[in-house]
Every structure is written in structure tokens, then in C-alpha cells.
Amino acid sequence: MQKNKAVITGDILKNQASKLWDSLPQFEDRPKPKFSNGWLEGFKHRYKIREFAQHGEAASTETDNLNAISQMDIIRSLAFQYGPYNTVNMDETSLFWKLTPGCTLETKAGSGGKKSKDRVSLALTCNGDGSEKLEPWIIDKSKNR
């Protein structure tokens, strides 16, 4: 687990345990365990496996800008004049479709690795009272330049 930076989740561990059970001929005559969350917790306790958050690149954040706050107050007062039905909001978000979970099961903390940044951008639009919702726009994946 630690050597190749693979992300191991509890579901992956339970699935692999089930496959391993099926592949071992000495267990053919025995009933198959359920490999439940309780089984997983016992397995992790026996082998001293804990969940660790993987830390990649730190995200930078902007500080509050007083000018931007005052501009938003002006925009809000203008939008209030039109009412929620006639006020429309569009926001862009990203779907990181190759991003692995931020935690993995290991016996000791590891360094993690660089996260995949392959993403598809989406634009979501609706009016203020939620009665009008447009279909999401898929903007396509970003290209490196």
C-alpha cells in the first residue's frame, strides 16, 4: 500500500477479501463470511491499519476584499427589486472525474502523492425561488497549454 501510492478504501479491502476467499480451495466447504463493516473494523484492528488523509498540494485562498463585499451589496439590492422568480444565478463548478479519495487504509502514515486534476467543468443555472432550472451545461475538460 505505501510503496505504490495506491488508494485503498474499506470497500476495496472488503471486495478483495471476498475475491481472495473465493480463490482459495481450502475454503470451498465453508460458508462465505459477509465481509461486513464489522469484519473490516476487526481486520483493521488486528493488523493495525488506520485511515490516513493524504496531503497533496496545499490550496491557496484569497483574503476578504472590502471592495468586493461592497459591490456585492449593491448587486443584491438591485436583484431584490426584481424578485426571486426574475433573478437568475449561474455558477460554474468542476467535476474531478479521476480524483481518488483523500484517505487510504495503511499501517503507517504515508506521504500521499500528486492528485489527478483531470476535470470537466459544469455550469448550473436556476432562478431565485428554484422554480426554473436549466439543464447543466457541460463545458468539456480543460486543456493544458
Protein backbone atom coordinates (compact mmCIF):
# COMPACT_ATOMS: atom_id res chain seq x y z
CA MET A 1 0.00 0.00 0.00
CA GLN A 2 2.64 2.52 0.98
CA LYS A 3 5.09 1.76 -1.83
CA ASN A 4 2.99 2.38 -4.95
CA LYS A 5 0.80 5.19 -3.54
CA ALA A 6 -2.40 3.26 -4.31
CA VAL A 7 -5.51 4.45 -2.50
CA ILE A 8 -7.14 1.66 -0.51
CA THR A 9 -10.65 2.20 0.84
CA GLY A 10 -12.66 -0.05 3.13
CA ASP A 11 -14.90 -1.13 0.24
CA ILE A 12 -11.87 -2.11 -1.86
CA LEU A 13 -10.45 -4.12 1.04
CA LYS A 14 -13.77 -5.95 1.61
CA ASN A 15 -14.13 -6.68 -2.12
CA GLN A 16 -10.59 -8.06 -2.36
CA ALA A 17 -11.12 -10.20 0.75
CA SER A 18 -14.23 -11.69 -0.87
CA LYS A 19 -12.32 -12.44 -4.09
CA LEU A 20 -9.46 -14.00 -2.13
CA TRP A 21 -11.89 -16.22 -0.18
CA ASP A 22 -13.42 -17.44 -3.47
CA SER A 23 -9.99 -18.23 -4.93
CA LEU A 24 -8.72 -20.39 -2.03
CA PRO A 25 -9.64 -24.08 -2.42
CA GLN A 26 -9.30 -24.84 1.31
CA PHE A 27 -12.39 -22.67 2.00
CA GLU A 28 -14.70 -24.33 -0.58
CA ASP A 29 -16.63 -26.30 2.06
CA ARG A 30 -17.02 -23.40 4.48
CA PRO A 31 -19.77 -20.75 4.35
CA LYS A 32 -18.52 -17.47 2.94
CA PRO A 33 -18.19 -14.64 5.50
CA LYS A 34 -20.18 -11.45 4.88
CA PHE A 35 -17.10 -9.20 4.94
CA SER A 36 -19.22 -6.51 6.62
CA ASN A 37 -18.13 -3.22 8.13
CA GLY A 38 -17.76 -5.05 11.45
CA TRP A 39 -15.42 -7.57 9.81
CA LEU A 40 -13.47 -4.66 8.31
CA GLU A 41 -13.07 -2.92 11.67
CA GLY A 42 -11.79 -6.15 13.26
CA PHE A 43 -9.36 -6.74 10.38
CA LYS A 44 -8.03 -3.18 10.64
CA HIS A 45 -7.62 -3.54 14.41
CA ARG A 46 -5.76 -6.88 14.13
CA TYR A 47 -3.29 -5.58 11.56
CA LYS A 48 -3.02 -2.04 12.99
CA ILE A 49 -4.41 -0.46 9.83
CA ARG A 50 -5.72 3.07 10.22
CA GLU A 51 -7.20 5.62 7.87
CA PHE A 52 -4.87 8.45 6.93
CA ALA A 53 -5.66 11.59 4.99
CA GLN A 54 -3.36 12.05 2.04
CA HIS A 55 -1.96 15.53 1.67
CA GLY A 56 -1.07 16.82 -1.76
CA GLU A 57 -0.51 20.38 -2.84
CA ALA A 58 -1.87 22.99 -0.45
CA ALA A 59 -4.68 25.14 -1.82
CA SER A 60 -4.24 28.88 -1.75
CA THR A 61 -7.10 31.13 -0.66
CA GLU A 62 -7.72 34.80 -1.20
CA THR A 63 -8.30 37.15 1.70
CA ASP A 64 -11.57 39.08 2.04
CA ASN A 65 -11.70 42.13 -0.18
CA LEU A 66 -13.78 45.03 1.25
CA ASN A 67 -14.36 46.49 -2.22
CA ALA A 68 -15.81 43.20 -3.46
CA ILE A 69 -18.10 43.00 -0.42
CA SER A 70 -19.49 46.49 -1.05
CA GLN A 71 -20.00 45.68 -4.75
CA MET A 72 -21.94 42.53 -3.80
CA ASP A 73 -24.19 44.61 -1.52
CA ILE A 74 -25.06 46.85 -4.49
CA ILE A 75 -25.79 43.82 -6.70
CA ARG A 76 -28.00 42.27 -4.00
CA SER A 77 -30.06 45.45 -3.62
CA LEU A 78 -30.58 45.63 -7.41
CA ALA A 79 -31.57 41.95 -7.62
CA PHE A 80 -34.03 42.42 -4.74
CA GLN A 81 -36.03 44.88 -6.92
CA TYR A 82 -36.80 42.11 -9.44
CA GLY A 83 -37.87 39.39 -7.02
CA PRO A 84 -36.64 35.80 -6.76
CA TYR A 85 -38.52 34.49 -9.84
CA ASN A 86 -36.82 37.01 -12.16
CA THR A 87 -33.38 36.76 -10.54
CA VAL A 88 -31.21 34.10 -12.15
CA ASN A 89 -27.93 32.72 -10.87
CA MET A 90 -25.37 30.74 -12.86
CA ASP A 91 -22.38 29.13 -11.24
CA GLU A 92 -19.52 27.08 -12.62
CA THR A 93 -18.17 24.03 -10.87
CA SER A 94 -15.74 21.27 -11.73
CA LEU A 95 -16.10 17.53 -11.62
CA PHE A 96 -12.72 15.92 -10.95
CA TRP A 97 -13.56 12.62 -12.59
CA LYS A 98 -10.18 10.92 -11.99
CA LEU A 99 -9.67 12.15 -8.42
CA THR A 100 -9.02 9.37 -5.92
CA PRO A 101 -10.29 9.50 -2.32
CA GLY A 102 -8.30 11.66 0.09
CA CYS A 103 -7.86 8.85 2.63
CA THR A 104 -6.37 5.38 2.38
CA LEU A 105 -6.00 2.40 4.71
CA GLU A 106 -2.40 1.81 5.78
CA THR A 107 -0.36 0.51 8.69
CA LYS A 108 1.53 3.81 8.99
CA ALA A 109 1.16 7.32 7.59
CA GLY A 110 2.45 7.84 4.06
CA SER A 111 3.24 10.90 2.02
CA GLY A 112 0.41 10.52 -0.49
CA GLY A 113 1.07 11.76 -3.96
CA LYS A 114 0.03 14.26 -6.56
CA LYS A 115 -3.69 14.18 -7.26
CA SER A 116 -5.07 13.91 -10.78
CA LYS A 117 -6.53 17.23 -11.89
CA ASP A 118 -8.44 15.93 -14.92
CA ARG A 119 -11.79 17.66 -14.76
CA VAL A 120 -14.95 18.55 -16.62
CA SER A 121 -16.45 21.99 -16.00
CA LEU A 122 -20.20 22.35 -15.49
CA ALA A 123 -22.42 25.46 -15.46
CA LEU A 124 -25.56 25.24 -13.31
CA THR A 125 -28.35 27.82 -13.60
CA CYS A 126 -31.64 28.44 -11.77
CA ASN A 127 -33.81 31.33 -10.62
CA GLY A 128 -34.03 32.58 -7.04
CA ASP A 129 -37.11 30.61 -5.99
CA GLY A 130 -35.96 27.36 -7.64
CA SER A 131 -38.96 27.11 -9.99
CA GLU A 132 -36.87 27.43 -13.18
CA LYS A 133 -33.80 25.22 -13.55
CA LEU A 134 -31.85 24.98 -16.79
CA GLU A 135 -30.16 21.78 -17.89
CA PRO A 136 -26.49 21.74 -16.78
CA TRP A 137 -24.03 22.90 -19.40
CA ILE A 138 -21.01 20.66 -19.83
CA ILE A 139 -18.11 22.91 -20.76
CA ASP A 140 -15.74 19.98 -21.52
CA LYS A 141 -12.46 19.05 -19.96
CA SER A 142 -9.71 21.61 -19.58
CA LYS A 143 -6.71 21.61 -21.88
CA ASN A 144 -3.16 22.16 -20.73
CA ARG A 145 -1.37 24.93 -22.59
